[in-house]
Amino acid sequence: MKEDRPRLNDEINEAQVRVIKPDNSHEITTSDRALQLAEQYNLDLVEIAPDARPPVCKIIDFGKYQYEKKKKEKEAKKKQHTVTVKELRFRPNTDDHDLEFKTRHAREFLESGDKVKASVQFRGRDMLYTEKGELVLLKLAKALEDVSKVESKPNLEGRRMIMILTPLK
């Protein structure tokens, strides 16, 4: 028996089961009687709620059931959107033009629904000027406030100051 599919026909070995017939009527009966009913309809007996007391079984075409289930899963997968994080790196003495250029890229990322992780890398004596790095990140946040909000404010982690921006949508 596979674990990723429900039990069907002879695999169901419960004493009592609730059977849902093709006309949506239901009754509580033995699993043998339920199997006979399924054979009368030329369909399969499929256990759809094994944890219920008594377990719920449905008389359906199993192949069609599997097809419908896969179709629903595929449709649900289509609708979900994975959020990716794009990273922009700066230095504490980043020039205004460079900042504007990277801000345009950040705007594109945010408009396409991605998060932006902006980081300022400090090297050597740059650690004395952490406030310059924070100013760079705050300028970026100010320039992008119409399309994003700050998820995490600038904070220093080792030799990097990191800020995360998320799209407004």
Foldseek 3Di string as FASTA:
>chain_A
DDPVFFDKQPRDQDQWEWEQEPVRDIDIHGSVVNSVSLVVVVFMWTFDAVPDVVTYTYNHHVVVVVVVVVVVVVVVVVPDDDAAEAEDEAELPDDPVVLVVVLVVCLVSQVVFHKYKYKYAADDPSVVVVVSVLVSVVVSCVVCVVFWDWPARFDDDPRMTITMIGGPD
